[in-house]
Amino acid sequence: MTTAMPPSHEALKVPEVMTALRLSRSKVYDLIRSKQLASFTSGRARRVPVDAVRQYMRNRIEESD
């Protein structure tokens, strides 16, 4: 399974996460607030580790089984 995540990035911007997961901006921030999607800030910029996006997808797949 391939994702829309850039292979050279370790952390993604929120718009990149939106594209990768095909979710709205508010849904991505809801996932971050509810601790379903790990993130960190660097200055004022919010970043989501690529591994956190992959883990979120794995968790969703496991929940649907």
N, C-alpha and C. Protein backbone atom coordinates (compact mmCIF):
# COMPACT_ATOMS: atom_id res chain seq x y z
N MET A 1 0.84 -1.18 0.00
CA MET A 1 0.00 0.00 0.00
C MET A 1 0.88 1.23 0.00
N THR A 2 0.65 2.13 -0.91
CA THR A 2 1.43 3.36 -0.97
C THR A 2 0.61 4.51 -0.42
N THR A 3 1.31 5.51 0.08
CA THR A 3 0.63 6.68 0.61
C THR A 3 1.09 7.91 -0.16
N ALA A 4 0.43 9.02 0.07
CA ALA A 4 0.77 10.26 -0.60
C ALA A 4 1.84 11.03 0.16
N MET A 5 2.53 10.39 1.07
CA MET A 5 3.52 11.08 1.88
C MET A 5 4.84 11.20 1.14
N PRO A 6 5.45 12.37 1.18
CA PRO A 6 6.76 12.52 0.54
C PRO A 6 7.78 11.63 1.22
N PRO A 7 8.53 10.83 0.47
CA PRO A 7 9.46 9.88 1.07
C PRO A 7 10.62 10.52 1.81
N SER A 8 10.97 11.76 1.47
CA SER A 8 12.14 12.38 2.08
C SER A 8 11.83 13.13 3.37
N HIS A 9 10.59 13.22 3.76
CA HIS A 9 10.22 13.98 4.94
C HIS A 9 10.03 13.06 6.16
N GLU A 10 10.51 13.51 7.29
CA GLU A 10 10.31 12.80 8.55
C GLU A 10 9.07 13.29 9.26
N ALA A 11 8.72 14.55 9.03
CA ALA A 11 7.54 15.15 9.64
C ALA A 11 6.79 15.94 8.58
N LEU A 12 5.48 15.89 8.68
CA LEU A 12 4.63 16.52 7.68
C LEU A 12 3.92 17.74 8.23
N LYS A 13 3.62 18.69 7.36
CA LYS A 13 2.78 19.82 7.71
C LYS A 13 1.33 19.34 7.70
N VAL A 14 0.47 20.06 8.39
CA VAL A 14 -0.94 19.67 8.45
C VAL A 14 -1.55 19.52 7.05
N PRO A 15 -1.32 20.42 6.11
CA PRO A 15 -1.89 20.21 4.77
C PRO A 15 -1.40 18.92 4.10
N GLU A 16 -0.16 18.51 4.38
CA GLU A 16 0.34 17.25 3.83
C GLU A 16 -0.37 16.06 4.46
N VAL A 17 -0.65 16.15 5.76
CA VAL A 17 -1.41 15.09 6.44
C VAL A 17 -2.83 15.04 5.87
N MET A 18 -3.41 16.20 5.63
CA MET A 18 -4.75 16.26 5.04
C MET A 18 -4.78 15.53 3.71
N THR A 19 -3.77 15.74 2.89
CA THR A 19 -3.70 15.08 1.59
C THR A 19 -3.47 13.58 1.75
N ALA A 20 -2.56 13.22 2.63
CA ALA A 20 -2.23 11.80 2.80
C ALA A 20 -3.42 11.00 3.30
N LEU A 21 -4.18 11.57 4.24
CA LEU A 21 -5.32 10.86 4.83
C LEU A 21 -6.65 11.22 4.17
N ARG A 22 -6.62 12.21 3.30
CA ARG A 22 -7.83 12.70 2.62
C ARG A 22 -8.89 13.12 3.64
N LEU A 23 -8.44 13.94 4.58
CA LEU A 23 -9.29 14.47 5.63
C LEU A 23 -9.26 15.99 5.60
N SER A 24 -10.26 16.60 6.22
CA SER A 24 -10.29 18.05 6.31
C SER A 24 -9.31 18.54 7.37
N ARG A 25 -9.01 19.81 7.30
CA ARG A 25 -8.12 20.44 8.27
C ARG A 25 -8.67 20.28 9.69
N SER A 26 -9.95 20.52 9.86
CA SER A 26 -10.53 20.42 11.20
C SER A 26 -10.49 18.99 11.73
N LYS A 27 -10.67 18.00 10.86
CA LYS A 27 -10.59 16.60 11.29
C LYS A 27 -9.17 16.25 11.73
N VAL A 28 -8.17 16.72 11.00
CA VAL A 28 -6.77 16.46 11.38
C VAL A 28 -6.49 17.06 12.76
N TYR A 29 -6.93 18.31 12.98
CA TYR A 29 -6.72 18.93 14.28
C TYR A 29 -7.53 18.23 15.38
N ASP A 30 -8.71 17.71 15.06
CA ASP A 30 -9.48 16.92 16.03
C ASP A 30 -8.70 15.67 16.44
N LEU A 31 -8.08 15.00 15.47
CA LEU A 31 -7.28 13.81 15.76
C LEU A 31 -6.07 14.15 16.63
N ILE A 32 -5.47 15.28 16.37
CA ILE A 32 -4.32 15.73 17.17
C ILE A 32 -4.77 16.04 18.59
N ARG A 33 -5.87 16.79 18.73
CA ARG A 33 -6.38 17.14 20.06
C ARG A 33 -6.77 15.91 20.88
N SER A 34 -7.33 14.91 20.22
CA SER A 34 -7.78 13.70 20.92
C SER A 34 -6.67 12.68 21.11
N LYS A 35 -5.44 13.05 20.74
CA LYS A 35 -4.26 12.19 20.89
C LYS A 35 -4.30 10.93 20.02
N GLN A 36 -5.14 10.93 19.00
CA GLN A 36 -5.17 9.81 18.06
C GLN A 36 -4.07 9.93 17.01
N LEU A 37 -3.55 11.16 16.87
CA LEU A 37 -2.49 11.43 15.92
C LEU A 37 -1.43 12.28 16.64
N ALA A 38 -0.25 11.70 16.79
CA ALA A 38 0.82 12.40 17.50
C ALA A 38 1.34 13.56 16.67
N SER A 39 1.74 14.63 17.36
CA SER A 39 2.29 15.79 16.67
C SER A 39 3.17 16.57 17.63
N PHE A 40 3.87 17.55 17.07
CA PHE A 40 4.69 18.44 17.89
C PHE A 40 4.71 19.80 17.21
N THR A 41 5.13 20.80 17.96
CA THR A 41 5.27 22.13 17.37
C THR A 41 6.74 22.51 17.32
N SER A 42 7.06 23.27 16.30
CA SER A 42 8.38 23.85 16.15
C SER A 42 8.14 25.33 15.92
N GLY A 43 8.32 26.11 16.96
CA GLY A 43 7.90 27.51 16.90
C GLY A 43 6.38 27.55 16.87
N ARG A 44 5.81 28.13 15.83
CA ARG A 44 4.37 28.17 15.69
C ARG A 44 3.86 27.10 14.74
N ALA A 45 4.77 26.34 14.14
CA ALA A 45 4.41 25.35 13.13
C ALA A 45 4.10 24.00 13.76
N ARG A 46 2.99 23.41 13.40
CA ARG A 46 2.59 22.08 13.86
C ARG A 46 3.13 21.07 12.85
N ARG A 47 3.75 20.01 13.35
CA ARG A 47 4.28 18.95 12.51
C ARG A 47 3.79 17.60 13.03
N VAL A 48 3.59 16.67 12.09
CA VAL A 48 3.15 15.31 12.41
C VAL A 48 4.19 14.35 11.86
N PRO A 49 4.80 13.54 12.73
CA PRO A 49 5.78 12.57 12.23
C PRO A 49 5.14 11.60 11.24
N VAL A 50 5.87 11.24 10.20
CA VAL A 50 5.37 10.29 9.21
C VAL A 50 4.97 8.99 9.88
N ASP A 51 5.75 8.54 10.86
CA ASP A 51 5.42 7.30 11.57
C ASP A 51 4.09 7.40 12.31
N ALA A 52 3.75 8.59 12.80
CA ALA A 52 2.46 8.78 13.49
C ALA A 52 1.30 8.62 12.52
N VAL A 53 1.47 9.10 11.29
CA VAL A 53 0.42 8.94 10.28
C VAL A 53 0.27 7.46 9.94
N ARG A 54 1.38 6.78 9.76
CA ARG A 54 1.32 5.34 9.45
C ARG A 54 0.68 4.56 10.60
N GLN A 55 1.02 4.91 11.84
CA GLN A 55 0.44 4.23 13.00
C GLN A 55 -1.07 4.48 13.08
N TYR A 56 -1.49 5.70 12.81
CA TYR A 56 -2.92 6.03 12.79
C TYR A 56 -3.64 5.16 11.77
N MET A 57 -3.05 5.02 10.58
CA MET A 57 -3.68 4.19 9.54
C MET A 57 -3.74 2.73 9.97
N ARG A 58 -2.66 2.22 10.57
CA ARG A 58 -2.67 0.83 11.06
C ARG A 58 -3.76 0.63 12.11
N ASN A 59 -3.88 1.59 13.03
CA ASN A 59 -4.91 1.49 14.06
C ASN A 59 -6.30 1.48 13.47
N ARG A 60 -6.55 2.32 12.48
CA ARG A 60 -7.87 2.36 11.83
C ARG A 60 -8.16 1.05 11.13
N ILE A 61 -7.15 0.46 10.48
CA ILE A 61 -7.34 -0.82 9.80
C ILE A 61 -7.67 -1.92 10.80
N GLU A 62 -6.94 -1.94 11.93
CA GLU A 62 -7.19 -2.95 12.97
C GLU A 62 -8.59 -2.80 13.56
N GLU A 63 -9.03 -1.55 13.74
CA GLU A 63 -10.38 -1.32 14.28
C GLU A 63 -11.47 -1.78 13.35
N SER A 64 -11.21 -1.76 12.06
CA SER A 64 -12.24 -2.14 11.10
C SER A 64 -12.33 -3.65 10.89
N ASP A 65 -11.36 -4.38 11.39
CA ASP A 65 -11.39 -5.85 11.25
C ASP A 65 -12.37 -6.51 12.17
